[in-house]
Amino acid sequence: ADDEWWEATALAVQGRRLMVITRSTASSTEVQRLIQTGREQELELTARTAQLATTSSLLEREHVELARAAARNRLLAHVAESANEMIAVTDLDDRFTFVNRSFLDAHLFAEHEVLGQHIGLVMSPGVPAERMDEIVQGTSEGGWTGEIVNRRRDGTEFPVALSTSLVKDERGDVIGRVGVARDLTGQKQAEA
């Protein structure tokens, strides 16, 4: 028949040469091709399953790390907001990027009125330029601590004890400055 043929295959088994003759038909060849295709697909599926298991494990670890980082960030945000001290963060151009509730309450500003503004917004005009240069220089060298006079939204002034330092990213690059201040009004009044 036209759909039947014979195949000869030479084999070497334990040093002996053998000739294997098989009869093939269209249907048996098709079955062999399907079996081979199935094996190849099974191998591909096994490899892909292993790859997906590895990816899933990596994603699970990444998810855990991100969840921990998010929890840490929430905790730090609560700490900053709960602090009695005024906390302000600026960029390298001395523009506010973060202020806490104590800062806003002491200076009588709303957050949207402060963020993006220059620190001059809350500095007393009576603070000499040399003092500002001293604070910037000291901060650049690792930190500055001292007293300064700040100004509220209504223009009234009040003394603060200020401590500054640099804000660095995970690579150690300076990305901003932070100031932590305490209102000295009560202390100054008691001394007078």
C-alpha atoms as a PDB file:
ATOM      1  CA  ALA A   1       0.000   0.000   0.000  1.00  0.00           C
ATOM      2  CA  ASP A   2       1.077   3.597  -0.558  1.00  0.00           C
ATOM      3  CA  ASP A   3       0.766   4.447   3.095  1.00  0.00           C
ATOM      4  CA  GLU A   4       3.166   1.663   4.126  1.00  0.00           C
ATOM      5  CA  TRP A   5       6.976   1.413   3.918  1.00  0.00           C
ATOM      6  CA  TRP A   6       9.918  -0.372   5.442  1.00  0.00           C
ATOM      7  CA  GLU A   7      12.806   1.269   7.331  1.00  0.00           C
ATOM      8  CA  ALA A   8      16.189  -0.180   8.164  1.00  0.00           C
ATOM      9  CA  THR A   9      18.221   1.124  11.105  1.00  0.00           C
ATOM     10  CA  ALA A  10      21.781  -0.022  11.897  1.00  0.00           C
ATOM     11  CA  LEU A  11      22.597  -0.368  15.615  1.00  0.00           C
ATOM     12  CA  ALA A  12      25.674  -1.388  17.588  1.00  0.00           C
ATOM     13  CA  VAL A  13      24.865  -3.288  20.782  1.00  0.00           C
ATOM     14  CA  GLN A  14      27.664  -4.695  23.005  1.00  0.00           C
ATOM     15  CA  GLY A  15      30.094  -4.564  20.115  1.00  0.00           C
ATOM     16  CA  ARG A  16      27.751  -6.374  17.748  1.00  0.00           C
ATOM     17  CA  ARG A  17      26.168  -4.763  14.736  1.00  0.00           C
ATOM     18  CA  LEU A  18      22.494  -5.267  14.295  1.00  0.00           C
ATOM     19  CA  MET A  19      20.126  -4.249  11.575  1.00  0.00           C
ATOM     20  CA  VAL A  20      16.589  -3.441  12.689  1.00  0.00           C
ATOM     21  CA  ILE A  21      13.934  -3.476  10.024  1.00  0.00           C
ATOM     22  CA  THR A  22      10.592  -1.916  10.844  1.00  0.00           C
ATOM     23  CA  ARG A  23       7.432  -1.505   8.924  1.00  0.00           C
ATOM     24  CA  SER A  24       5.916   1.971   9.108  1.00  0.00           C
ATOM     25  CA  THR A  25       2.542   3.218   8.168  1.00  0.00           C
ATOM     26  CA  ALA A  26       1.236   6.738   7.999  1.00  0.00           C
ATOM     27  CA  SER A  27      -0.779   6.213  11.148  1.00  0.00           C
ATOM     28  CA  SER A  28       2.135   4.753  13.207  1.00  0.00           C
ATOM     29  CA  THR A  29       4.464   7.571  12.052  1.00  0.00           C
ATOM     30  CA  GLU A  30       1.887  10.127  13.090  1.00  0.00           C
ATOM     31  CA  VAL A  31       1.577   8.451  16.505  1.00  0.00           C
ATOM     32  CA  GLN A  32       5.377   8.537  16.973  1.00  0.00           C
ATOM     33  CA  ARG A  33       5.451  12.214  15.982  1.00  0.00           C
ATOM     34  CA  LEU A  34       2.680  12.990  18.478  1.00  0.00           C
ATOM     35  CA  ILE A  35       4.490  11.046  21.216  1.00  0.00           C
ATOM     36  CA  GLN A  36       7.718  12.928  20.523  1.00  0.00           C
ATOM     37  CA  THR A  37       5.879  16.275  20.446  1.00  0.00           C
ATOM     38  CA  GLY A  38       4.182  15.370  23.738  1.00  0.00           C
ATOM     39  CA  ARG A  39       7.546  14.579  25.348  1.00  0.00           C
ATOM     40  CA  GLU A  40       8.993  17.873  24.145  1.00  0.00           C
ATOM     41  CA  GLN A  41       5.994  19.768  25.455  1.00  0.00           C
ATOM     42  CA  GLU A  42       6.210  17.905  28.756  1.00  0.00           C
ATOM     43  CA  LEU A  43       9.879  18.917  29.093  1.00  0.00           C
ATOM     44  CA  GLU A  44       9.016  22.517  28.244  1.00  0.00           C
ATOM     45  CA  LEU A  45       6.186  22.462  30.781  1.00  0.00           C
ATOM     46  CA  THR A  46       8.466  21.040  33.479  1.00  0.00           C
ATOM     47  CA  ALA A  47      11.109  23.694  32.806  1.00  0.00           C
ATOM     48  CA  ARG A  48       8.521  26.485  32.776  1.00  0.00           C
ATOM     49  CA  THR A  49       6.960  25.188  36.006  1.00  0.00           C
ATOM     50  CA  ALA A  50      10.372  25.237  37.702  1.00  0.00           C
ATOM     51  CA  GLN A  51      10.993  28.747  36.386  1.00  0.00           C
ATOM     52  CA  LEU A  52       7.605  29.937  37.664  1.00  0.00           C
ATOM     53  CA  ALA A  53       8.223  28.352  41.082  1.00  0.00           C
ATOM     54  CA  THR A  54      11.535  30.234  41.343  1.00  0.00           C
ATOM     55  CA  THR A  55       9.912  33.484  40.221  1.00  0.00           C
ATOM     56  CA  SER A  56       7.046  32.971  42.672  1.00  0.00           C
ATOM     57  CA  SER A  57       9.507  32.439  45.515  1.00  0.00           C
ATOM     58  CA  LEU A  58      11.419  35.594  44.569  1.00  0.00           C
ATOM     59  CA  LEU A  59       8.200  37.595  44.341  1.00  0.00           C
ATOM     60  CA  GLU A  60       7.081  36.292  47.725  1.00  0.00           C
ATOM     61  CA  ARG A  61      10.384  37.379  49.324  1.00  0.00           C
ATOM     62  CA  GLU A  62      10.169  40.770  47.601  1.00  0.00           C
ATOM     63  CA  HIS A  63       6.588  41.183  48.836  1.00  0.00           C
ATOM     64  CA  VAL A  64       7.678  40.424  52.427  1.00  0.00           C
ATOM     65  CA  GLU A  65      10.546  42.931  52.163  1.00  0.00           C
ATOM     66  CA  LEU A  66       8.231  45.614  50.736  1.00  0.00           C
ATOM     67  CA  ALA A  67       5.672  44.975  53.478  1.00  0.00           C
ATOM     68  CA  ARG A  68       8.402  45.366  56.134  1.00  0.00           C
ATOM     69  CA  ALA A  69       9.656  48.568  54.502  1.00  0.00           C
ATOM     70  CA  ALA A  70       6.118  49.959  54.348  1.00  0.00           C
ATOM     71  CA  ALA A  71       5.542  49.120  58.033  1.00  0.00           C
ATOM     72  CA  ARG A  72       8.852  50.788  58.934  1.00  0.00           C
ATOM     73  CA  ASN A  73       7.936  53.887  56.918  1.00  0.00           C
ATOM     74  CA  ARG A  74       4.537  54.083  58.646  1.00  0.00           C
ATOM     75  CA  LEU A  75       6.233  53.793  62.040  1.00  0.00           C
ATOM     76  CA  LEU A  76       8.736  56.539  61.179  1.00  0.00           C
ATOM     77  CA  ALA A  77       5.913  58.765  59.953  1.00  0.00           C
ATOM     78  CA  HIS A  78       4.023  58.231  63.232  1.00  0.00           C
ATOM     79  CA  VAL A  79       7.178  58.972  65.230  1.00  0.00           C
ATOM     80  CA  ALA A  80       7.816  62.210  63.334  1.00  0.00           C
ATOM     81  CA  GLU A  81       4.182  63.309  63.647  1.00  0.00           C
ATOM     82  CA  SER A  82       4.004  62.406  67.347  1.00  0.00           C
ATOM     83  CA  ALA A  83       7.211  64.181  68.376  1.00  0.00           C
ATOM     84  CA  ASN A  84       6.851  67.215  70.623  1.00  0.00           C
ATOM     85  CA  GLU A  85       9.836  68.774  68.860  1.00  0.00           C
ATOM     86  CA  MET A  86       9.413  70.655  65.610  1.00  0.00           C
ATOM     87  CA  ILE A  87      10.837  68.604  62.739  1.00  0.00           C
ATOM     88  CA  ALA A  88      11.474  70.030  59.293  1.00  0.00           C
ATOM     89  CA  VAL A  89      13.183  68.484  56.270  1.00  0.00           C
ATOM     90  CA  THR A  90      14.422  70.567  53.348  1.00  0.00           C
ATOM     91  CA  ASP A  91      15.927  69.834  49.983  1.00  0.00           C
ATOM     92  CA  LEU A  92      19.402  71.099  49.085  1.00  0.00           C
ATOM     93  CA  ASP A  93      17.884  74.437  48.011  1.00  0.00           C
ATOM     94  CA  ASP A  94      16.506  74.928  51.565  1.00  0.00           C
ATOM     95  CA  ARG A  95      12.894  74.394  50.485  1.00  0.00           C
ATOM     96  CA  PHE A  96      10.640  72.478  52.867  1.00  0.00           C
ATOM     97  CA  THR A  97       9.806  68.908  51.821  1.00  0.00           C
ATOM     98  CA  PHE A  98       8.388  67.754  55.191  1.00  0.00           C
ATOM     99  CA  VAL A  99       7.228  69.403  58.412  1.00  0.00           C
ATOM    100  CA  ASN A 100       5.543  67.692  61.338  1.00  0.00           C
ATOM    101  CA  ARG A 101       2.440  68.714  63.292  1.00  0.00           C
ATOM    102  CA  SER A 102       4.486  70.382  66.083  1.00  0.00           C
ATOM    103  CA  PHE A 103       6.244  72.579  63.503  1.00  0.00           C
ATOM    104  CA  LEU A 104       2.927  73.630  61.961  1.00  0.00           C
ATOM    105  CA  ASP A 105       1.319  74.320  65.345  1.00  0.00           C
ATOM    106  CA  ALA A 106       4.270  76.389  66.578  1.00  0.00           C
ATOM    107  CA  HIS A 107       4.528  78.461  63.394  1.00  0.00           C
ATOM    108  CA  LEU A 108       0.732  78.770  62.854  1.00  0.00           C
ATOM    109  CA  PHE A 109       0.883  77.528  59.265  1.00  0.00           C
ATOM    110  CA  ALA A 110      -1.036  74.870  57.341  1.00  0.00           C
ATOM    111  CA  GLU A 111       1.100  72.241  55.648  1.00  0.00           C
ATOM    112  CA  HIS A 112       0.259  73.402  52.116  1.00  0.00           C
ATOM    113  CA  GLU A 113       1.488  76.898  53.010  1.00  0.00           C
ATOM    114  CA  VAL A 114       4.922  75.585  53.997  1.00  0.00           C
ATOM    115  CA  LEU A 115       5.848  72.737  51.658  1.00  0.00           C
ATOM    116  CA  GLY A 116       7.957  73.946  48.740  1.00  0.00           C
ATOM    117  CA  GLN A 117       8.680  77.262  50.461  1.00  0.00           C
ATOM    118  CA  HIS A 118      12.177  78.481  51.392  1.00  0.00           C
ATOM    119  CA  ILE A 119      13.205  78.312  55.066  1.00  0.00           C
ATOM    120  CA  GLY A 120      13.202  82.108  55.074  1.00  0.00           C
ATOM    121  CA  LEU A 121       9.440  81.782  55.541  1.00  0.00           C
ATOM    122  CA  VAL A 122       9.986  81.001  59.254  1.00  0.00           C
ATOM    123  CA  MET A 123      13.301  82.746  59.912  1.00  0.00           C
ATOM    124  CA  SER A 124      13.296  86.036  61.771  1.00  0.00           C
ATOM    125  CA  PRO A 125      14.479  88.876  59.528  1.00  0.00           C
ATOM    126  CA  GLY A 126      16.735  89.827  62.456  1.00  0.00           C
ATOM    127  CA  VAL A 127      18.893  86.706  62.017  1.00  0.00           C
ATOM    128  CA  PRO A 128      22.140  87.937  60.435  1.00  0.00           C
ATOM    129  CA  ALA A 129      23.288  86.377  57.143  1.00  0.00           C
ATOM    130  CA  GLU A 130      26.512  85.302  58.902  1.00  0.00           C
ATOM    131  CA  ARG A 131      24.460  83.199  61.344  1.00  0.00           C
ATOM    132  CA  MET A 132      22.675  81.503  58.443  1.00  0.00           C
ATOM    133  CA  ASP A 133      26.051  80.826  56.788  1.00  0.00           C
ATOM    134  CA  GLU A 134      27.275  79.340  60.098  1.00  0.00           C
ATOM    135  CA  ILE A 135      24.246  77.034  60.271  1.00  0.00           C
ATOM    136  CA  VAL A 136      24.638  75.894  56.643  1.00  0.00           C
ATOM    137  CA  GLN A 137      28.403  75.349  57.067  1.00  0.00           C
ATOM    138  CA  GLY A 138      27.960  73.485  60.356  1.00  0.00           C
ATOM    139  CA  THR A 139      25.231  71.300  58.887  1.00  0.00           C
ATOM    140  CA  SER A 140      27.445  70.473  55.892  1.00  0.00           C
ATOM    141  CA  GLU A 141      30.213  69.402  58.265  1.00  0.00           C
ATOM    142  CA  GLY A 142      27.981  66.951  60.102  1.00  0.00           C
ATOM    143  CA  GLY A 143      25.548  69.050  62.103  1.00  0.00           C
ATOM    144  CA  TRP A 144      24.893  72.316  63.881  1.00  0.00           C
ATOM    145  CA  THR A 145      23.352  72.990  67.289  1.00  0.00           C
ATOM    146  CA  GLY A 146      22.428  76.348  68.737  1.00  0.00           C
ATOM    147  CA  GLU A 147      19.739  78.930  69.335  1.00  0.00           C
ATOM    148  CA  ILE A 148      17.976  80.971  66.697  1.00  0.00           C
ATOM    149  CA  VAL A 149      14.852  83.100  66.429  1.00  0.00           C
ATOM    150  CA  ASN A 150      11.953  81.894  64.269  1.00  0.00           C
ATOM    151  CA  ARG A 151       8.896  83.750  63.012  1.00  0.00           C
ATOM    152  CA  ARG A 152       5.277  82.641  63.104  1.00  0.00           C
ATOM    153  CA  ARG A 153       2.741  83.225  60.362  1.00  0.00           C
ATOM    154  CA  ASP A 154       1.363  86.212  62.280  1.00  0.00           C
ATOM    155  CA  GLY A 155       4.844  87.792  62.397  1.00  0.00           C
ATOM    156  CA  THR A 156       5.547  87.164  66.082  1.00  0.00           C
ATOM    157  CA  GLU A 157       8.978  85.785  66.870  1.00  0.00           C
ATOM    158  CA  PHE A 158      10.062  83.084  69.293  1.00  0.00           C
ATOM    159  CA  PRO A 159      13.401  81.542  70.291  1.00  0.00           C
ATOM    160  CA  VAL A 160      14.187  77.921  69.435  1.00  0.00           C
ATOM    161  CA  ALA A 161      16.953  75.472  70.219  1.00  0.00           C
ATOM    162  CA  LEU A 162      17.838  74.040  66.803  1.00  0.00           C
ATOM    163  CA  SER A 163      19.827  70.972  65.860  1.00  0.00           C
ATOM    164  CA  THR A 164      20.515  70.235  62.187  1.00  0.00           C
ATOM    165  CA  SER A 165      22.048  67.409  60.200  1.00  0.00           C
ATOM    166  CA  LEU A 166      22.310  66.095  56.675  1.00  0.00           C
ATOM    167  CA  VAL A 167      19.827  63.644  55.163  1.00  0.00           C
ATOM    168  CA  LYS A 168      21.547  60.931  53.117  1.00  0.00           C
ATOM    169  CA  ASP A 169      20.157  58.247  50.839  1.00  0.00           C
ATOM    170  CA  GLU A 170      21.075  54.543  50.904  1.00  0.00           C
ATOM    171  CA  ARG A 171      24.257  55.260  48.888  1.00  0.00           C
ATOM    172  CA  GLY A 172      25.373  57.983  51.293  1.00  0.00           C
ATOM    173  CA  ASP A 173      24.584  60.849  48.918  1.00  0.00           C
ATOM    174  CA  VAL A 174      23.270  64.013  50.590  1.00  0.00           C
ATOM    175  CA  ILE A 175      19.673  64.600  49.517  1.00  0.00           C
ATOM    176  CA  GLY A 176      18.551  67.208  52.056  1.00  0.00           C
ATOM    177  CA  ARG A 177      18.791  68.627  55.539  1.00  0.00           C
ATOM    178  CA  VAL A 178      16.792  68.027  58.699  1.00  0.00           C
ATOM    179  CA  GLY A 179      16.222  70.402  61.572  1.00  0.00           C
ATOM    180  CA  VAL A 180      14.800  69.485  64.960  1.00  0.00           C
ATOM    181  CA  ALA A 181      13.806  72.439  67.120  1.00  0.00           C
ATOM    182  CA  ARG A 182      12.330  73.082  70.562  1.00  0.00           C
ATOM    183  CA  ASP A 183      10.449  76.263  71.488  1.00  0.00           C
ATOM    184  CA  LEU A 184      12.416  78.104  74.200  1.00  0.00           C
ATOM    185  CA  THR A 185       9.750  80.728  74.955  1.00  0.00           C
ATOM    186  CA  GLY A 186       8.809  79.264  78.352  1.00  0.00           C
ATOM    187  CA  GLN A 187      12.418  78.759  79.349  1.00  0.00           C
ATOM    188  CA  LYS A 188      13.391  82.322  78.371  1.00  0.00           C
ATOM    189  CA  GLN A 189      10.415  83.779  80.264  1.00  0.00           C
ATOM    190  CA  ALA A 190      11.369  81.795  83.379  1.00  0.00           C
ATOM    191  CA  GLU A 191      14.942  83.106  83.157  1.00  0.00           C
ATOM    192  CA  ALA A 192      13.786  86.746  82.888  1.00  0.00           C
END
